[in-house]
């Protein structure tokens, strides 16, 4: 898979560790920045990465900021993106199984790298529970998005 990576300065170091893990798992990464630990505005990096996910230019995204919520707020404003914040492997498994999420957001200031890497590993290796119950629920959420988010191919 091709995975978009993005962070602000607070997530820069953890983003690098995640990239190494993803490469070990056989994935390709596309890094949208931040390029260092120098102060950086999260939207400058998460927004283009989320667009790449929404447009299907990458398969998934993993975004790292201080807490994870800023990345999720930005990403979930893009049609075709279903971003989740996970702080443990159990939530990562459920986020894939139950919601078919395509963007994982992590808080580099609140979880250590060992747990973050396990969250990524679980999220990347867990499949959506493709059963009627979960398909129906995910379809309801996608219908809400269709009513309220402009499809990317209709933007000027």
C-alpha atoms as a PDB file:
ATOM      1  CA  UNK A   1       0.000   0.000   0.000  1.00  0.00           C
ATOM      2  CA  UNK A   2       0.925   3.639  -0.447  1.00  0.00           C
ATOM      3  CA  UNK A   3       0.587   5.509   2.833  1.00  0.00           C
ATOM      4  CA  UNK A   4       0.505   9.306   3.192  1.00  0.00           C
ATOM      5  CA  UNK A   5       2.389  10.532   6.243  1.00  0.00           C
ATOM      6  CA  UNK A   6       1.983  13.991   7.736  1.00  0.00           C
ATOM      7  CA  UNK A   7       2.786  15.719  10.996  1.00  0.00           C
ATOM      8  CA  UNK A   8       3.489  18.986  12.656  1.00  0.00           C
ATOM      9  CA  UNK A   9       6.681  19.597  14.624  1.00  0.00           C
ATOM     10  CA  UNK A  10       5.316  17.693  17.634  1.00  0.00           C
ATOM     11  CA  UNK A  11       4.821  14.556  15.547  1.00  0.00           C
ATOM     12  CA  UNK A  12       7.929  14.764  13.381  1.00  0.00           C
ATOM     13  CA  UNK A  13      10.119  12.251  15.244  1.00  0.00           C
ATOM     14  CA  UNK A  14       7.358   9.677  15.706  1.00  0.00           C
ATOM     15  CA  UNK A  15       6.416  10.051  12.038  1.00  0.00           C
ATOM     16  CA  UNK A  16       9.941   8.946  11.146  1.00  0.00           C
ATOM     17  CA  UNK A  17       9.674   5.841  13.323  1.00  0.00           C
ATOM     18  CA  UNK A  18       6.310   5.032  11.738  1.00  0.00           C
ATOM     19  CA  UNK A  19       7.793   5.370   8.258  1.00  0.00           C
ATOM     20  CA  UNK A  20      10.506   2.844   9.173  1.00  0.00           C
ATOM     21  CA  UNK A  21       7.897   0.370  10.439  1.00  0.00           C
ATOM     22  CA  UNK A  22       5.745   0.793   7.343  1.00  0.00           C
ATOM     23  CA  UNK A  23       8.742   0.140   5.101  1.00  0.00           C
ATOM     24  CA  UNK A  24       9.549  -3.000   7.125  1.00  0.00           C
ATOM     25  CA  UNK A  25       5.948  -4.139   6.560  1.00  0.00           C
ATOM     26  CA  UNK A  26       6.411  -3.650   2.804  1.00  0.00           C
ATOM     27  CA  UNK A  27       4.518  -0.386   2.340  1.00  0.00           C
ATOM     28  CA  UNK A  28       5.527   2.717   0.386  1.00  0.00           C
ATOM     29  CA  UNK A  29       5.234   6.070   2.142  1.00  0.00           C
ATOM     30  CA  UNK A  30       4.676   9.572   0.807  1.00  0.00           C
ATOM     31  CA  UNK A  31       5.793  12.188   3.338  1.00  0.00           C
ATOM     32  CA  UNK A  32       3.860  15.481   3.274  1.00  0.00           C
ATOM     33  CA  UNK A  33       5.959  17.020   6.088  1.00  0.00           C
ATOM     34  CA  UNK A  34       6.620  18.607   8.497  1.00  0.00           C
ATOM     35  CA  UNK A  35      10.276  18.372   7.539  1.00  0.00           C
ATOM     36  CA  UNK A  36      11.741  18.904  11.023  1.00  0.00           C
ATOM     37  CA  UNK A  37      11.013  19.706  14.657  1.00  0.00           C
ATOM     38  CA  UNK A  38      10.945  23.424  13.834  1.00  0.00           C
ATOM     39  CA  UNK A  39       7.517  24.972  14.506  1.00  0.00           C
ATOM     40  CA  UNK A  40       5.053  24.028  11.763  1.00  0.00           C
ATOM     41  CA  UNK A  41       1.344  24.588  11.217  1.00  0.00           C
ATOM     42  CA  UNK A  42      -0.531  21.300  11.078  1.00  0.00           C
ATOM     43  CA  UNK A  43      -2.923  22.261   8.224  1.00  0.00           C
ATOM     44  CA  UNK A  44       0.036  22.922   5.915  1.00  0.00           C
ATOM     45  CA  UNK A  45       0.891  19.208   6.003  1.00  0.00           C
ATOM     46  CA  UNK A  46      -2.260  17.301   6.957  1.00  0.00           C
ATOM     47  CA  UNK A  47      -4.516  19.029   4.425  1.00  0.00           C
ATOM     48  CA  UNK A  48      -2.540  17.989   1.302  1.00  0.00           C
ATOM     49  CA  UNK A  49      -2.038  14.507   2.748  1.00  0.00           C
ATOM     50  CA  UNK A  50      -5.778  14.162   3.398  1.00  0.00           C
ATOM     51  CA  UNK A  51      -6.493  15.351  -0.141  1.00  0.00           C
ATOM     52  CA  UNK A  52      -4.221  12.587  -1.444  1.00  0.00           C
ATOM     53  CA  UNK A  53      -6.250  10.026   0.518  1.00  0.00           C
ATOM     54  CA  UNK A  54      -9.571  11.488  -0.611  1.00  0.00           C
ATOM     55  CA  UNK A  55      -8.477  11.511  -4.257  1.00  0.00           C
ATOM     56  CA  UNK A  56      -7.251   7.921  -4.068  1.00  0.00           C
ATOM     57  CA  UNK A  57      -3.644   8.894  -4.811  1.00  0.00           C
ATOM     58  CA  UNK A  58      -2.645   6.900  -1.714  1.00  0.00           C
ATOM     59  CA  UNK A  59      -4.413   4.014  -0.006  1.00  0.00           C
ATOM     60  CA  UNK A  60      -4.344   5.310   3.565  1.00  0.00           C
ATOM     61  CA  UNK A  61      -2.889   8.049   5.726  1.00  0.00           C
ATOM     62  CA  UNK A  62      -1.196   8.240   9.101  1.00  0.00           C
ATOM     63  CA  UNK A  63      -0.980  11.699  10.646  1.00  0.00           C
ATOM     64  CA  UNK A  64       0.842  12.622  13.872  1.00  0.00           C
ATOM     65  CA  UNK A  65       0.478  15.782  15.921  1.00  0.00           C
ATOM     66  CA  UNK A  66       0.593  16.541  19.628  1.00  0.00           C
ATOM     67  CA  UNK A  67      -2.681  14.814  20.557  1.00  0.00           C
ATOM     68  CA  UNK A  68      -4.112  13.512  17.255  1.00  0.00           C
ATOM     69  CA  UNK A  69      -7.357  15.441  17.304  1.00  0.00           C
ATOM     70  CA  UNK A  70      -6.129  18.370  15.220  1.00  0.00           C
ATOM     71  CA  UNK A  71      -5.177  16.021  12.404  1.00  0.00           C
ATOM     72  CA  UNK A  72      -8.536  14.240  12.589  1.00  0.00           C
ATOM     73  CA  UNK A  73     -10.459  17.528  12.523  1.00  0.00           C
ATOM     74  CA  UNK A  74      -8.657  18.590   9.352  1.00  0.00           C
ATOM     75  CA  UNK A  75      -8.767  15.203   7.635  1.00  0.00           C
ATOM     76  CA  UNK A  76     -12.461  14.556   8.251  1.00  0.00           C
ATOM     77  CA  UNK A  77     -13.360  17.714   6.328  1.00  0.00           C
ATOM     78  CA  UNK A  78     -12.238  16.018   3.113  1.00  0.00           C
ATOM     79  CA  UNK A  79     -14.658  13.848   1.118  1.00  0.00           C
ATOM     80  CA  UNK A  80     -13.493  10.253   1.016  1.00  0.00           C
ATOM     81  CA  UNK A  81     -11.559  10.454   4.283  1.00  0.00           C
ATOM     82  CA  UNK A  82     -12.595   8.596   7.414  1.00  0.00           C
ATOM     83  CA  UNK A  83     -10.064   9.568  10.079  1.00  0.00           C
ATOM     84  CA  UNK A  84      -9.855   8.105  13.569  1.00  0.00           C
ATOM     85  CA  UNK A  85      -7.773   8.927  16.628  1.00  0.00           C
ATOM     86  CA  UNK A  86      -6.402   5.860  18.404  1.00  0.00           C
ATOM     87  CA  UNK A  87      -4.495   5.717  21.675  1.00  0.00           C
ATOM     88  CA  UNK A  88      -4.210   1.955  22.050  1.00  0.00           C
ATOM     89  CA  UNK A  89      -4.113  -1.164  19.847  1.00  0.00           C
ATOM     90  CA  UNK A  90      -7.629  -2.267  20.855  1.00  0.00           C
ATOM     91  CA  UNK A  91      -9.118   0.950  19.482  1.00  0.00           C
ATOM     92  CA  UNK A  92      -6.979   0.621  16.354  1.00  0.00           C
ATOM     93  CA  UNK A  93      -8.386  -2.851  15.690  1.00  0.00           C
ATOM     94  CA  UNK A  94     -11.970  -1.707  16.192  1.00  0.00           C
ATOM     95  CA  UNK A  95     -11.402   1.402  14.089  1.00  0.00           C
ATOM     96  CA  UNK A  96     -10.517  -0.802  11.122  1.00  0.00           C
ATOM     97  CA  UNK A  97     -12.972  -3.632  11.783  1.00  0.00           C
ATOM     98  CA  UNK A  98     -16.032  -1.486  12.499  1.00  0.00           C
ATOM     99  CA  UNK A  99     -15.509   1.728  10.529  1.00  0.00           C
ATOM    100  CA  UNK A 100     -13.198   0.845   7.618  1.00  0.00           C
ATOM    101  CA  UNK A 101     -11.180   3.967   8.525  1.00  0.00           C
ATOM    102  CA  UNK A 102      -8.561   5.058   6.016  1.00  0.00           C
ATOM    103  CA  UNK A 103      -6.673   7.617   8.119  1.00  0.00           C
ATOM    104  CA  UNK A 104      -5.093   7.008  11.515  1.00  0.00           C
ATOM    105  CA  UNK A 105      -4.286  10.011  13.722  1.00  0.00           C
ATOM    106  CA  UNK A 106      -1.895   9.727  16.651  1.00  0.00           C
ATOM    107  CA  UNK A 107      -0.777  12.020  19.461  1.00  0.00           C
ATOM    108  CA  UNK A 108       2.989  12.182  19.646  1.00  0.00           C
ATOM    109  CA  UNK A 109       2.841  13.992  23.007  1.00  0.00           C
ATOM    110  CA  UNK A 110       0.520  11.517  24.728  1.00  0.00           C
ATOM    111  CA  UNK A 111       1.668   8.055  23.643  1.00  0.00           C
ATOM    112  CA  UNK A 112       5.177   6.676  23.503  1.00  0.00           C
ATOM    113  CA  UNK A 113       6.706   5.312  20.355  1.00  0.00           C
ATOM    114  CA  UNK A 114       6.398   1.648  21.375  1.00  0.00           C
ATOM    115  CA  UNK A 115       2.621   1.844  21.799  1.00  0.00           C
ATOM    116  CA  UNK A 116       2.294   4.084  18.731  1.00  0.00           C
ATOM    117  CA  UNK A 117       4.126   1.560  16.562  1.00  0.00           C
ATOM    118  CA  UNK A 118       1.930  -1.255  17.851  1.00  0.00           C
ATOM    119  CA  UNK A 119      -1.175   0.841  17.092  1.00  0.00           C
ATOM    120  CA  UNK A 120       0.094   1.367  13.542  1.00  0.00           C
ATOM    121  CA  UNK A 121       0.911  -2.327  13.115  1.00  0.00           C
ATOM    122  CA  UNK A 122      -2.547  -3.389  14.319  1.00  0.00           C
ATOM    123  CA  UNK A 123      -4.362  -0.749  12.259  1.00  0.00           C
ATOM    124  CA  UNK A 124      -2.427  -1.628   9.115  1.00  0.00           C
ATOM    125  CA  UNK A 125      -2.979  -5.383   9.455  1.00  0.00           C
ATOM    126  CA  UNK A 126      -6.648  -5.382  10.477  1.00  0.00           C
ATOM    127  CA  UNK A 127      -9.348  -5.806   7.839  1.00  0.00           C
ATOM    128  CA  UNK A 128     -12.826  -4.312   7.813  1.00  0.00           C
ATOM    129  CA  UNK A 129     -15.515  -6.719   9.076  1.00  0.00           C
ATOM    130  CA  UNK A 130     -17.249  -6.918   5.726  1.00  0.00           C
ATOM    131  CA  UNK A 131     -20.557  -8.171   7.097  1.00  0.00           C
ATOM    132  CA  UNK A 132     -24.046  -6.763   6.604  1.00  0.00           C
ATOM    133  CA  UNK A 133     -24.134  -5.155  10.053  1.00  0.00           C
ATOM    134  CA  UNK A 134     -20.943  -3.119   9.546  1.00  0.00           C
ATOM    135  CA  UNK A 135     -21.495  -2.406   5.863  1.00  0.00           C
ATOM    136  CA  UNK A 136     -24.897  -0.905   6.757  1.00  0.00           C
ATOM    137  CA  UNK A 137     -23.362   1.317   9.437  1.00  0.00           C
ATOM    138  CA  UNK A 138     -20.481   2.506   7.268  1.00  0.00           C
ATOM    139  CA  UNK A 139     -22.884   3.199   4.399  1.00  0.00           C
ATOM    140  CA  UNK A 140     -24.964   5.434   6.698  1.00  0.00           C
ATOM    141  CA  UNK A 141     -21.887   7.480   7.577  1.00  0.00           C
ATOM    142  CA  UNK A 142     -20.868   7.737   3.918  1.00  0.00           C
ATOM    143  CA  UNK A 143     -24.389   8.929   3.052  1.00  0.00           C
ATOM    144  CA  UNK A 144     -23.984  11.762   5.569  1.00  0.00           C
ATOM    145  CA  UNK A 145     -20.714  12.703   3.881  1.00  0.00           C
ATOM    146  CA  UNK A 146     -22.402  12.707   0.465  1.00  0.00           C
ATOM    147  CA  UNK A 147     -25.022  15.147   1.768  1.00  0.00           C
ATOM    148  CA  UNK A 148     -22.572  17.554   3.387  1.00  0.00           C
ATOM    149  CA  UNK A 149     -19.121  17.272   1.786  1.00  0.00           C
ATOM    150  CA  UNK A 150     -18.375  18.406  -1.758  1.00  0.00           C
ATOM    151  CA  UNK A 151     -16.810  15.554  -3.765  1.00  0.00           C
ATOM    152  CA  UNK A 152     -13.229  16.398  -4.675  1.00  0.00           C
ATOM    153  CA  UNK A 153     -13.862  15.967  -8.397  1.00  0.00           C
ATOM    154  CA  UNK A 154     -16.430  18.805  -8.210  1.00  0.00           C
ATOM    155  CA  UNK A 155     -14.047  21.345  -6.707  1.00  0.00           C
ATOM    156  CA  UNK A 156     -12.612  24.028  -8.943  1.00  0.00           C
END
